PDB file of N, CA and C in Angstrom:
ATOM      1  N   MET A   1      -5.351  15.704  -1.999  1.00  0.00           N
ATOM      2  CA  MET A   1      -6.189  14.977  -2.797  1.00  0.00           C
ATOM      3  C   MET A   1      -7.612  15.524  -2.732  1.00  0.00           C
ATOM      4  N   GLN A   2      -8.374  15.386  -3.842  1.00  0.00           N
ATOM      5  CA  GLN A   2      -9.754  15.893  -3.906  1.00  0.00           C
ATOM      6  C   GLN A   2     -10.563  14.990  -3.078  1.00  0.00           C
ATOM      7  N   GLU A   3     -11.581  15.540  -2.460  1.00  0.00           N
ATOM      8  CA  GLU A   3     -12.486  14.679  -1.614  1.00  0.00           C
ATOM      9  C   GLU A   3     -13.154  13.607  -2.414  1.00  0.00           C
ATOM     10  N   SER A   4     -13.386  13.820  -3.678  1.00  0.00           N
ATOM     11  CA  SER A   4     -14.091  12.841  -4.519  1.00  0.00           C
ATOM     12  C   SER A   4     -13.110  11.658  -4.766  1.00  0.00           C
ATOM     13  N   GLU A   5     -11.886  11.746  -4.478  1.00  0.00           N
ATOM     14  CA  GLU A   5     -10.886  10.629  -4.691  1.00  0.00           C
ATOM     15  C   GLU A   5     -10.920   9.655  -3.533  1.00  0.00           C
ATOM     16  N   ILE A   6     -11.404  10.071  -2.329  1.00  0.00           N
ATOM     17  CA  ILE A   6     -11.176   9.324  -1.116  1.00  0.00           C
ATOM     18  C   ILE A   6     -11.985   7.895  -1.229  1.00  0.00           C
ATOM     19  N   PRO A   7     -13.246   7.870  -1.758  1.00  0.00           N
ATOM     20  CA  PRO A   7     -13.843   6.562  -1.890  1.00  0.00           C
ATOM     21  C   PRO A   7     -13.044   5.673  -2.766  1.00  0.00           C
ATOM     22  N   LYS A   8     -12.440   6.201  -3.836  1.00  0.00           N
ATOM     23  CA  LYS A   8     -11.602   5.398  -4.782  1.00  0.00           C
ATOM     24  C   LYS A   8     -10.422   4.944  -4.122  1.00  0.00           C
ATOM     25  N   ILE A   9      -9.832   5.636  -3.197  1.00  0.00           N
ATOM     26  CA  ILE A   9      -8.627   5.218  -2.420  1.00  0.00           C
ATOM     27  C   ILE A   9      -9.012   4.129  -1.536  1.00  0.00           C
ATOM     28  N   GLN A  10     -10.107   4.343  -0.804  1.00  0.00           N
ATOM     29  CA  GLN A  10     -10.630   3.197   0.102  1.00  0.00           C
ATOM     30  C   GLN A  10     -10.848   1.973  -0.621  1.00  0.00           C
ATOM     31  N   ALA A  11     -11.553   1.994  -1.830  1.00  0.00           N
ATOM     32  CA  ALA A  11     -11.817   0.889  -2.593  1.00  0.00           C
ATOM     33  C   ALA A  11     -10.556   0.130  -3.060  1.00  0.00           C
ATOM     34  N   TRP A  12      -9.492   1.033  -3.475  1.00  0.00           N
ATOM     35  CA  TRP A  12      -8.342   0.371  -3.998  1.00  0.00           C
ATOM     36  C   TRP A  12      -7.586  -0.429  -2.873  1.00  0.00           C
ATOM     37  N   TYR A  13      -7.516   0.178  -1.627  1.00  0.00           N
ATOM     38  CA  TYR A  13      -6.852  -0.585  -0.573  1.00  0.00           C
ATOM     39  C   TYR A  13      -7.788  -1.744  -0.121  1.00  0.00           C
ATOM     40  N   ALA A  14      -9.019  -1.669  -0.265  1.00  0.00           N
ATOM     41  CA  ALA A  14      -9.894  -2.835   0.067  1.00  0.00           C
ATOM     42  C   ALA A  14      -9.596  -3.906  -0.905  1.00  0.00           C
ATOM     43  N   LYS A  15      -9.574  -3.595  -2.291  1.00  0.00           N
ATOM     44  CA  LYS A  15      -9.416  -4.568  -3.241  1.00  0.00           C
ATOM     45  C   LYS A  15      -7.995  -5.188  -3.198  1.00  0.00           C
ATOM     46  N   THR A  16      -7.022  -4.339  -3.059  1.00  0.00           N
ATOM     47  CA  THR A  16      -5.603  -4.758  -3.128  1.00  0.00           C
ATOM     48  C   THR A  16      -5.108  -5.456  -1.909  1.00  0.00           C
ATOM     49  N   PHE A  17      -5.443  -4.993  -0.665  1.00  0.00           N
ATOM     50  CA  PHE A  17      -4.986  -5.509   0.492  1.00  0.00           C
ATOM     51  C   PHE A  17      -6.004  -6.018   1.433  1.00  0.00           C
ATOM     52  N   GLY A  18      -7.307  -6.016   1.066  1.00  0.00           N
ATOM     53  CA  GLY A  18      -8.272  -6.467   1.949  1.00  0.00           C
ATOM     54  C   GLY A  18      -8.686  -5.562   3.052  1.00  0.00           C
ATOM     55  N   ALA A  19      -8.347  -4.232   2.910  1.00  0.00           N
ATOM     56  CA  ALA A  19      -8.684  -3.250   4.032  1.00  0.00           C
ATOM     57  C   ALA A  19     -10.177  -3.087   4.176  1.00  0.00           C
ATOM     58  N   LYS A  20     -10.626  -2.809   5.392  1.00  0.00           N
ATOM     59  CA  LYS A  20     -11.919  -2.565   5.659  1.00  0.00           C
ATOM     60  C   LYS A  20     -12.292  -1.076   5.673  1.00  0.00           C
ATOM     61  N   PRO A  21     -13.039  -0.588   4.763  1.00  0.00           N
ATOM     62  CA  PRO A  21     -13.416   0.804   4.692  1.00  0.00           C
ATOM     63  C   PRO A  21     -14.214   1.230   5.946  1.00  0.00           C
ATOM     64  N   GLY A  22     -13.987   2.424   6.387  1.00  0.00           N
ATOM     65  CA  GLY A  22     -14.717   2.840   7.599  1.00  0.00           C
ATOM     66  C   GLY A  22     -14.459   4.264   7.865  1.00  0.00           C
ATOM     67  N   LEU A  23     -14.675   4.773   9.101  1.00  0.00           N
ATOM     68  CA  LEU A  23     -14.459   6.066   9.524  1.00  0.00           C
ATOM     69  C   LEU A  23     -13.490   6.084  10.641  1.00  0.00           C
ATOM     70  N   ARG A  24     -12.786   7.215  10.810  1.00  0.00           N
ATOM     71  CA  ARG A  24     -11.858   7.502  11.949  1.00  0.00           C
ATOM     72  C   ARG A  24     -12.240   8.903  12.289  1.00  0.00           C
ATOM     73  N   GLY A  25     -13.052   9.031  13.259  1.00  0.00           N
ATOM     74  CA  GLY A  25     -13.676  10.385  13.565  1.00  0.00           C
ATOM     75  C   GLY A  25     -14.583  10.765  12.451  1.00  0.00           C
ATOM     76  N   GLN A  26     -14.378  11.862  11.830  1.00  0.00           N
ATOM     77  CA  GLN A  26     -15.128  12.402  10.673  1.00  0.00           C
ATOM     78  C   GLN A  26     -14.413  12.000   9.413  1.00  0.00           C
ATOM     79  N   ASN A  27     -13.336  11.483   9.440  1.00  0.00           N
ATOM     80  CA  ASN A  27     -12.469  11.127   8.186  1.00  0.00           C
ATOM     81  C   ASN A  27     -12.673   9.680   7.789  1.00  0.00           C
ATOM     82  N   GLN A  28     -12.725   9.559   6.365  1.00  0.00           N
ATOM     83  CA  GLN A  28     -12.799   8.293   5.724  1.00  0.00           C
ATOM     84  C   GLN A  28     -11.471   7.535   6.138  1.00  0.00           C
ATOM     85  N   ALA A  29     -11.568   6.185   6.150  1.00  0.00           N
ATOM     86  CA  ALA A  29     -10.337   5.428   6.649  1.00  0.00           C
ATOM     87  C   ALA A  29     -10.478   3.974   6.075  1.00  0.00           C
ATOM     88  N   ALA A  30      -9.320   3.310   6.092  1.00  0.00           N
ATOM     89  CA  ALA A  30      -9.282   1.931   5.717  1.00  0.00           C
ATOM     90  C   ALA A  30      -8.457   1.197   6.728  1.00  0.00           C
ATOM     91  N   ASP A  31      -8.970   0.140   7.300  1.00  0.00           N
ATOM     92  CA  ASP A  31      -8.318  -0.554   8.430  1.00  0.00           C
ATOM     93  C   ASP A  31      -7.724  -1.802   7.858  1.00  0.00           C
ATOM     94  N   LEU A  32      -6.482  -2.160   8.362  1.00  0.00           N
ATOM     95  CA  LEU A  32      -5.787  -3.444   8.106  1.00  0.00           C
ATOM     96  C   LEU A  32      -5.238  -3.864   9.500  1.00  0.00           C
ATOM     97  N   PRO A  33      -4.954  -5.077   9.590  1.00  0.00           N
ATOM     98  CA  PRO A  33      -4.384  -5.450  11.017  1.00  0.00           C
ATOM     99  C   PRO A  33      -3.190  -4.596  11.416  1.00  0.00           C
ATOM    100  N   GLY A  34      -3.192  -3.879  12.529  1.00  0.00           N
ATOM    101  CA  GLY A  34      -2.171  -3.085  12.966  1.00  0.00           C
ATOM    102  C   GLY A  34      -2.107  -1.648  12.431  1.00  0.00           C
ATOM    103  N   VAL A  35      -2.909  -1.294  11.565  1.00  0.00           N
ATOM    104  CA  VAL A  35      -2.813  -0.005  10.911  1.00  0.00           C
ATOM    105  C   VAL A  35      -4.225   0.514  10.508  1.00  0.00           C
ATOM    106  N   ASN A  36      -4.309   1.890  10.600  1.00  0.00           N
ATOM    107  CA  ASN A  36      -5.501   2.685  10.214  1.00  0.00           C
ATOM    108  C   ASN A  36      -4.990   3.640   9.213  1.00  0.00           C
ATOM    109  N   LEU A  37      -5.423   3.586   8.036  1.00  0.00           N
ATOM    110  CA  LEU A  37      -5.174   4.576   7.041  1.00  0.00           C
ATOM    111  C   LEU A  37      -6.292   5.588   7.024  1.00  0.00           C
ATOM    112  N   THR A  38      -5.978   6.825   7.302  1.00  0.00           N
ATOM    113  CA  THR A  38      -6.983   7.791   7.409  1.00  0.00           C
ATOM    114  C   THR A  38      -6.824   8.827   6.228  1.00  0.00           C
ATOM    115  N   PHE A  39      -7.827   9.142   5.548  1.00  0.00           N
ATOM    116  CA  PHE A  39      -7.700  10.009   4.336  1.00  0.00           C
ATOM    117  C   PHE A  39      -8.467  11.267   4.486  1.00  0.00           C
ATOM    118  N   GLY A  40      -7.874  12.409   4.112  1.00  0.00           N
ATOM    119  CA  GLY A  40      -8.443  13.672   4.259  1.00  0.00           C
ATOM    120  C   GLY A  40      -8.198  14.449   3.077  1.00  0.00           C
ATOM    121  N   LYS A  41      -9.101  15.301   2.717  1.00  0.00           N
ATOM    122  CA  LYS A  41      -8.849  16.155   1.463  1.00  0.00           C
ATOM    123  C   LYS A  41      -7.802  17.202   1.662  1.00  0.00           C
ATOM    124  N   ALA A  42      -7.240  17.642   0.597  1.00  0.00           N
ATOM    125  CA  ALA A  42      -6.211  18.742   0.636  1.00  0.00           C
ATOM    126  C   ALA A  42      -6.754  19.842  -0.306  1.00  0.00           C
ATOM    127  N   ASP A  43      -6.246  21.051   0.118  1.00  0.00           N
ATOM    128  CA  ASP A  43      -6.840  22.166  -0.771  1.00  0.00           C
ATOM    129  C   ASP A  43      -6.144  22.286  -2.229  1.00  0.00           C
ATOM    130  N   THR A  44      -4.958  21.579  -2.309  1.00  0.00           N
ATOM    131  CA  THR A  44      -4.242  21.520  -3.516  1.00  0.00           C
ATOM    132  C   THR A  44      -3.966  20.105  -3.816  1.00  0.00           C
ATOM    133  N   PRO A  45      -4.146  19.842  -5.221  1.00  0.00           N
ATOM    134  CA  PRO A  45      -3.854  18.424  -5.586  1.00  0.00           C
ATOM    135  C   PRO A  45      -2.370  18.005  -5.311  1.00  0.00           C
ATOM    136  N   SER A  46      -2.243  16.750  -4.973  1.00  0.00           N
ATOM    137  CA  SER A  46      -0.860  16.194  -4.825  1.00  0.00           C
ATOM    138  C   SER A  46      -0.318  15.729  -6.123  1.00  0.00           C
ATOM    139  N   THR A  47       0.771  16.135  -6.550  1.00  0.00           N
ATOM    140  CA  THR A  47       1.372  15.786  -7.780  1.00  0.00           C
ATOM    141  C   THR A  47       2.778  15.167  -7.591  1.00  0.00           C
ATOM    142  N   VAL A  48       3.211  14.950  -6.307  1.00  0.00           N
ATOM    143  CA  VAL A  48       4.536  14.466  -5.993  1.00  0.00           C
ATOM    144  C   VAL A  48       4.383  13.102  -5.276  1.00  0.00           C
ATOM    145  N   THR A  49       5.233  12.127  -5.654  1.00  0.00           N
ATOM    146  CA  THR A  49       5.239  10.856  -5.008  1.00  0.00           C
ATOM    147  C   THR A  49       5.716  11.008  -3.604  1.00  0.00           C
ATOM    148  N   THR A  50       5.478  10.093  -2.651  1.00  0.00           N
ATOM    149  CA  THR A  50       5.962  10.046  -1.357  1.00  0.00           C
ATOM    150  C   THR A  50       7.436   9.587  -1.232  1.00  0.00           C
ATOM    151  N   LYS A  51       7.933   8.933  -2.287  1.00  0.00           N
ATOM    152  CA  LYS A  51       9.357   8.471  -2.384  1.00  0.00           C
ATOM    153  C   LYS A  51      10.265   9.660  -2.231  1.00  0.00           C
ATOM    154  N   GLY A  52      11.320   9.547  -1.282  1.00  0.00           N
ATOM    155  CA  GLY A  52      12.239  10.471  -1.088  1.00  0.00           C
ATOM    156  C   GLY A  52      11.811  11.748  -0.261  1.00  0.00           C
ATOM    157  N   ARG A  53      10.683  11.698   0.284  1.00  0.00           N
ATOM    158  CA  ARG A  53      10.082  12.807   1.072  1.00  0.00           C
ATOM    159  C   ARG A  53      10.077  12.464   2.553  1.00  0.00           C
ATOM    160  N   VAL A  54       9.561  13.317   3.410  1.00  0.00           N
ATOM    161  CA  VAL A  54       9.683  13.109   4.802  1.00  0.00           C
ATOM    162  C   VAL A  54       9.065  11.691   5.222  1.00  0.00           C
ATOM    163  N   LEU A  55       7.963  11.344   4.589  1.00  0.00           N
ATOM    164  CA  LEU A  55       7.440  10.009   4.803  1.00  0.00           C
ATOM    165  C   LEU A  55       7.626   9.361   3.447  1.00  0.00           C
ATOM    166  N   GLY A  56       8.719   8.651   3.290  1.00  0.00           N
ATOM    167  CA  GLY A  56       9.180   8.058   2.075  1.00  0.00           C
ATOM    168  C   GLY A  56       8.175   6.941   1.514  1.00  0.00           C
ATOM    169  N   HIS A  57       7.737   6.155   2.412  1.00  0.00           N
ATOM    170  CA  HIS A  57       6.891   5.079   1.983  1.00  0.00           C
ATOM    171  C   HIS A  57       6.138   4.426   3.185  1.00  0.00           C
ATOM    172  N   ILE A  58       5.154   3.658   2.831  1.00  0.00           N
ATOM    173  CA  ILE A  58       4.522   2.837   3.883  1.00  0.00           C
ATOM    174  C   ILE A  58       4.915   1.390   3.549  1.00  0.00           C
ATOM    175  N   GLY A  59       4.785   0.501   4.473  1.00  0.00           N
ATOM    176  CA  GLY A  59       5.043  -0.956   4.206  1.00  0.00           C
ATOM    177  C   GLY A  59       4.031  -1.865   4.890  1.00  0.00           C
ATOM    178  N   PHE A  60       3.896  -3.014   4.226  1.00  0.00           N
ATOM    179  CA  PHE A  60       2.983  -4.057   4.625  1.00  0.00           C
ATOM    180  C   PHE A  60       3.706  -5.445   4.603  1.00  0.00           C
ATOM    181  N   ASP A  61       3.420  -6.283   5.686  1.00  0.00           N
ATOM    182  CA  ASP A  61       3.705  -7.599   5.671  1.00  0.00           C
ATOM    183  C   ASP A  61       2.825  -8.351   4.867  1.00  0.00           C
ATOM    184  N   VAL A  62       3.240  -9.241   3.973  1.00  0.00           N
ATOM    185  CA  VAL A  62       2.438 -10.053   3.150  1.00  0.00           C
ATOM    186  C   VAL A  62       2.834 -11.505   3.242  1.00  0.00           C
ATOM    187  N   LYS A  63       1.850 -12.320   3.426  1.00  0.00           N
ATOM    188  CA  LYS A  63       2.198 -13.815   3.356  1.00  0.00           C
ATOM    189  C   LYS A  63       2.251 -14.263   1.880  1.00  0.00           C
ATOM    190  N   ASN A  64       3.117 -15.161   1.548  1.00  0.00           N
ATOM    191  CA  ASN A  64       3.344 -15.586   0.158  1.00  0.00           C
ATOM    192  C   ASN A  64       3.386 -14.466  -0.864  1.00  0.00           C
ATOM    193  N   LEU A  65       4.502 -13.674  -0.595  1.00  0.00           N
ATOM    194  CA  LEU A  65       4.694 -12.404  -1.345  1.00  0.00           C
ATOM    195  C   LEU A  65       4.805 -12.698  -2.859  1.00  0.00           C
ATOM    196  N   GLU A  66       5.486 -13.760  -3.215  1.00  0.00           N
ATOM    197  CA  GLU A  66       5.592 -14.072  -4.638  1.00  0.00           C
ATOM    198  C   GLU A  66       4.233 -14.190  -5.356  1.00  0.00           C
ATOM    199  N   ALA A  67       3.336 -14.969  -4.832  1.00  0.00           N
ATOM    200  CA  ALA A  67       2.020 -15.170  -5.378  1.00  0.00           C
ATOM    201  C   ALA A  67       1.285 -13.799  -5.371  1.00  0.00           C
ATOM    202  N   PHE A  68       1.381 -13.044  -4.190  1.00  0.00           N
ATOM    203  CA  PHE A  68       0.729 -11.741  -4.214  1.00  0.00           C
ATOM    204  C   PHE A  68       1.222 -10.822  -5.261  1.00  0.00           C
ATOM    205  N   CYS A  69       2.518 -10.800  -5.544  1.00  0.00           N
ATOM    206  CA  CYS A  69       3.079  -9.996  -6.611  1.00  0.00           C
ATOM    207  C   CYS A  69       2.430 -10.348  -7.955  1.00  0.00           C
ATOM    208  N   LYS A  70       2.296 -11.710  -8.219  1.00  0.00           N
ATOM    209  CA  LYS A  70       1.817 -12.188  -9.474  1.00  0.00           C
ATOM    210  C   LYS A  70       0.377 -11.697  -9.538  1.00  0.00           C
ATOM    211  N   LYS A  71      -0.477 -11.664  -8.436  1.00  0.00           N
ATOM    212  CA  LYS A  71      -1.792 -11.227  -8.389  1.00  0.00           C
ATOM    213  C   LYS A  71      -1.845  -9.775  -8.760  1.00  0.00           C
ATOM    214  N   LEU A  72      -0.972  -8.884  -8.148  1.00  0.00           N
ATOM    215  CA  LEU A  72      -0.823  -7.503  -8.456  1.00  0.00           C
ATOM    216  C   LEU A  72      -0.692  -7.215  -9.897  1.00  0.00           C
ATOM    217  N   GLU A  73       0.387  -7.929 -10.478  1.00  0.00           N
ATOM    218  CA  GLU A  73       0.696  -7.748 -11.890  1.00  0.00           C
ATOM    219  C   GLU A  73      -0.544  -8.214 -12.793  1.00  0.00           C
ATOM    220  N   ALA A  74      -1.219  -9.281 -12.432  1.00  0.00           N
ATOM    221  CA  ALA A  74      -2.378  -9.632 -13.189  1.00  0.00           C
ATOM    222  C   ALA A  74      -3.474  -8.564 -13.095  1.00  0.00           C
ATOM    223  N   ALA A  75      -3.498  -7.774 -12.075  1.00  0.00           N
ATOM    224  CA  ALA A  75      -4.563  -6.690 -11.923  1.00  0.00           C
ATOM    225  C   ALA A  75      -3.986  -5.415 -12.496  1.00  0.00           C
ATOM    226  N   GLY A  76      -2.845  -5.447 -13.152  1.00  0.00           N
ATOM    227  CA  GLY A  76      -2.339  -4.245 -13.852  1.00  0.00           C
ATOM    228  C   GLY A  76      -1.557  -3.428 -12.997  1.00  0.00           C
ATOM    229  N   ILE A  77      -1.095  -3.819 -11.771  1.00  0.00           N
ATOM    230  CA  ILE A  77      -0.282  -2.998 -10.902  1.00  0.00           C
ATOM    231  C   ILE A  77       1.146  -3.424 -11.238  1.00  0.00           C
ATOM    232  N   LYS A  78       1.933  -2.358 -11.512  1.00  0.00           N
ATOM    233  CA  LYS A  78       3.333  -2.556 -11.980  1.00  0.00           C
ATOM    234  C   LYS A  78       4.231  -2.521 -10.695  1.00  0.00           C
ATOM    235  N   LEU A  79       5.131  -3.442 -10.624  1.00  0.00           N
ATOM    236  CA  LEU A  79       6.031  -3.576  -9.511  1.00  0.00           C
ATOM    237  C   LEU A  79       7.156  -2.537  -9.856  1.00  0.00           C
ATOM    238  N   ASP A  80       7.463  -1.647  -8.928  1.00  0.00           N
ATOM    239  CA  ASP A  80       8.531  -0.751  -9.114  1.00  0.00           C
ATOM    240  C   ASP A  80       9.834  -1.435  -8.809  1.00  0.00           C
ATOM    241  N   ARG A  81       9.820  -2.238  -7.833  1.00  0.00           N
ATOM    242  CA  ARG A  81      10.993  -3.161  -7.528  1.00  0.00           C
ATOM    243  C   ARG A  81      10.410  -4.557  -7.539  1.00  0.00           C
ATOM    244  N   PRO A  82      10.885  -5.357  -8.441  1.00  0.00           N
ATOM    245  CA  PRO A  82      10.367  -6.760  -8.534  1.00  0.00           C
ATOM    246  C   PRO A  82      10.526  -7.558  -7.219  1.00  0.00           C
ATOM    247  N   TYR A  83       9.708  -8.611  -7.143  1.00  0.00           N
ATOM    248  CA  TYR A  83       9.859  -9.548  -6.079  1.00  0.00           C
ATOM    249  C   TYR A  83      11.337 -10.041  -5.940  1.00  0.00           C
ATOM    250  N   THR A  84      11.914  -9.866  -4.778  1.00  0.00           N
ATOM    251  CA  THR A  84      13.240 -10.308  -4.555  1.00  0.00           C
ATOM    252  C   THR A  84      13.332 -11.168  -3.220  1.00  0.00           C
ATOM    253  N   LYS A  85      13.913 -12.333  -3.350  1.00  0.00           N
ATOM    254  CA  LYS A  85      13.983 -13.173  -2.098  1.00  0.00           C
ATOM    255  C   LYS A  85      15.476 -13.348  -1.681  1.00  0.00           C
ATOM    256  N   ASN A  86      15.682 -13.207  -0.325  1.00  0.00           N
ATOM    257  CA  ASN A  86      17.032 -13.492   0.135  1.00  0.00           C
ATOM    258  C   ASN A  86      16.983 -14.878   0.684  1.00  0.00           C
ATOM    259  N   GLU A  87      17.568 -15.818  -0.042  1.00  0.00           N
ATOM    260  CA  GLU A  87      17.509 -17.176   0.287  1.00  0.00           C
ATOM    261  C   GLU A  87      18.149 -17.567   1.678  1.00  0.00           C
ATOM    262  N   GLN A  88      19.153 -16.755   2.041  1.00  0.00           N
ATOM    263  CA  GLN A  88      19.800 -16.974   3.348  1.00  0.00           C
ATOM    264  C   GLN A  88      18.892 -16.661   4.565  1.00  0.00           C
ATOM    265  N   THR A  89      18.132 -15.654   4.410  1.00  0.00           N
ATOM    266  CA  THR A  89      17.276 -15.211   5.571  1.00  0.00           C
ATOM    267  C   THR A  89      15.800 -15.591   5.375  1.00  0.00           C
ATOM    268  N   GLY A  90      15.395 -15.911   4.205  1.00  0.00           N
ATOM    269  CA  GLY A  90      13.990 -16.336   3.917  1.00  0.00           C
ATOM    270  C   GLY A  90      13.079 -15.023   3.749  1.00  0.00           C
ATOM    271  N   THR A  91      13.712 -13.902   3.766  1.00  0.00           N
ATOM    272  CA  THR A  91      12.921 -12.651   3.635  1.00  0.00           C
ATOM    273  C   THR A  91      12.747 -12.343   2.167  1.00  0.00           C
ATOM    274  N   ALA A  92      11.629 -11.656   1.833  1.00  0.00           N
ATOM    275  CA  ALA A  92      11.511 -11.194   0.474  1.00  0.00           C
ATOM    276  C   ALA A  92      10.819  -9.852   0.494  1.00  0.00           C
ATOM    277  N   LEU A  93      10.972  -9.063  -0.607  1.00  0.00           N
ATOM    278  CA  LEU A  93      10.393  -7.793  -0.735  1.00  0.00           C
ATOM    279  C   LEU A  93      10.083  -7.374  -2.166  1.00  0.00           C
ATOM    280  N   ALA A  94       9.219  -6.377  -2.288  1.00  0.00           N
ATOM    281  CA  ALA A  94       8.885  -5.816  -3.550  1.00  0.00           C
ATOM    282  C   ALA A  94       8.349  -4.344  -3.165  1.00  0.00           C
ATOM    283  N   PHE A  95       8.359  -3.485  -4.242  1.00  0.00           N
ATOM    284  CA  PHE A  95       7.785  -2.166  -4.090  1.00  0.00           C
ATOM    285  C   PHE A  95       6.794  -1.965  -5.123  1.00  0.00           C
ATOM    286  N   ILE A  96       5.730  -1.128  -4.815  1.00  0.00           N
ATOM    287  CA  ILE A  96       4.797  -0.630  -5.862  1.00  0.00           C
ATOM    288  C   ILE A  96       4.386   0.745  -5.520  1.00  0.00           C
ATOM    289  N   TYR A  97       3.623   1.415  -6.363  1.00  0.00           N
ATOM    290  CA  TYR A  97       3.035   2.660  -6.011  1.00  0.00           C
ATOM    291  C   TYR A  97       1.487   2.462  -6.048  1.00  0.00           C
ATOM    292  N   ASP A  98       0.717   3.168  -5.216  1.00  0.00           N
ATOM    293  CA  ASP A  98      -0.642   3.138  -5.350  1.00  0.00           C
ATOM    294  C   ASP A  98      -1.111   4.083  -6.543  1.00  0.00           C
ATOM    295  N   PRO A  99      -2.280   4.203  -6.998  1.00  0.00           N
ATOM    296  CA  PRO A  99      -2.614   5.093  -8.015  1.00  0.00           C
ATOM    297  C   PRO A  99      -2.439   6.567  -7.639  1.00  0.00           C
ATOM    298  N   TRP A 100      -2.178   6.944  -6.358  1.00  0.00           N
ATOM    299  CA  TRP A 100      -2.010   8.299  -6.002  1.00  0.00           C
ATOM    300  C   TRP A 100      -0.565   8.522  -5.691  1.00  0.00           C
ATOM    301  N   ASP A 101       0.345   7.718  -6.085  1.00  0.00           N
ATOM    302  CA  ASP A 101       1.794   7.890  -5.959  1.00  0.00           C
ATOM    303  C   ASP A 101       2.377   7.696  -4.552  1.00  0.00           C
ATOM    304  N   THR A 102       1.593   6.912  -3.728  1.00  0.00           N
ATOM    305  CA  THR A 102       2.166   6.511  -2.401  1.00  0.00           C
ATOM    306  C   THR A 102       3.113   5.345  -2.709  1.00  0.00           C
ATOM    307  N   TYR A 103       4.287   5.424  -2.270  1.00  0.00           N
ATOM    308  CA  TYR A 103       5.329   4.233  -2.389  1.00  0.00           C
ATOM    309  C   TYR A 103       5.079   3.242  -1.388  1.00  0.00           C
ATOM    310  N   ILE A 104       4.956   2.020  -1.711  1.00  0.00           N
ATOM    311  CA  ILE A 104       4.526   0.931  -0.834  1.00  0.00           C
ATOM    312  C   ILE A 104       5.549  -0.226  -0.849  1.00  0.00           C
ATOM    313  N   GLU A 105       6.094  -0.477   0.291  1.00  0.00           N
ATOM    314  CA  GLU A 105       7.055  -1.651   0.409  1.00  0.00           C
ATOM    315  C   GLU A 105       6.243  -2.852   0.901  1.00  0.00           C
ATOM    316  N   LEU A 106       6.471  -3.966   0.287  1.00  0.00           N
ATOM    317  CA  LEU A 106       5.856  -5.266   0.571  1.00  0.00           C
ATOM    318  C   LEU A 106       6.860  -6.137   1.049  1.00  0.00           C
ATOM    319  N   ASN A 107       6.634  -6.781   2.253  1.00  0.00           N
ATOM    320  CA  ASN A 107       7.596  -7.601   2.873  1.00  0.00           C
ATOM    321  C   ASN A 107       7.071  -8.939   3.223  1.00  0.00           C
ATOM    322  N   GLU A 108       7.814  -9.970   3.066  1.00  0.00           N
ATOM    323  CA  GLU A 108       7.548 -11.313   3.585  1.00  0.00           C
ATOM    324  C   GLU A 108       8.678 -11.674   4.487  1.00  0.00           C
ATOM    325  N   ARG A 109       8.349 -11.937   5.791  1.00  0.00           N
ATOM    326  CA  ARG A 109       9.359 -12.236   6.723  1.00  0.00           C
ATOM    327  C   ARG A 109       8.994 -13.675   7.338  1.00  0.00           C
ATOM    328  N   PRO A 110       9.974 -14.485   7.507  1.00  0.00           N
ATOM    329  CA  PRO A 110       9.673 -15.767   8.060  1.00  0.00           C
ATOM    330  C   PRO A 110       9.083 -15.773   9.527  1.00  0.00           C
ATOM    331  N   ASN A 111       9.407 -14.781  10.315  1.00  0.00           N
ATOM    332  CA  ASN A 111       8.849 -14.673  11.616  1.00  0.00           C
ATOM    333  C   ASN A 111       8.433 -13.261  11.849  1.00  0.00           C
ATOM    334  N   PRO A 112       7.253 -12.845  11.253  1.00  0.00           N
ATOM    335  CA  PRO A 112       6.845 -11.403  11.435  1.00  0.00           C
ATOM    336  C   PRO A 112       6.368 -11.177  12.853  1.00  0.00           C
ATOM    337  N   LEU A 113       6.444  -9.880  13.213  1.00  0.00           N
ATOM    338  CA  LEU A 113       6.075  -9.499  14.639  1.00  0.00           C
ATOM    339  C   LEU A 113       4.574  -9.711  14.864  1.00  0.00           C
TER     340      LEU A 113
END
């Protein structure tokens, strides 16, 4: 990714997931509970999604996933896999892509770690 994209990525994760923009060493980052997303420039632009690659996707636990998915859709974010709830276990999931083609799994678990 181009260095000029990094503030946009930080802002998207802050707006979408409530991440706190900051630094990790010299690199721009975004912090969420239990995770630090660190962004660095690449010499060539990325034009391939993460889906199906060595790092296929990242995932986040979300409280009230159904409402969160509605919020995402209202913000123009398309669900790649719509909200699906397993009534027997109480778990739910959905998938989205960020604007830079990172595949993201969203989970709601009745007893998250």
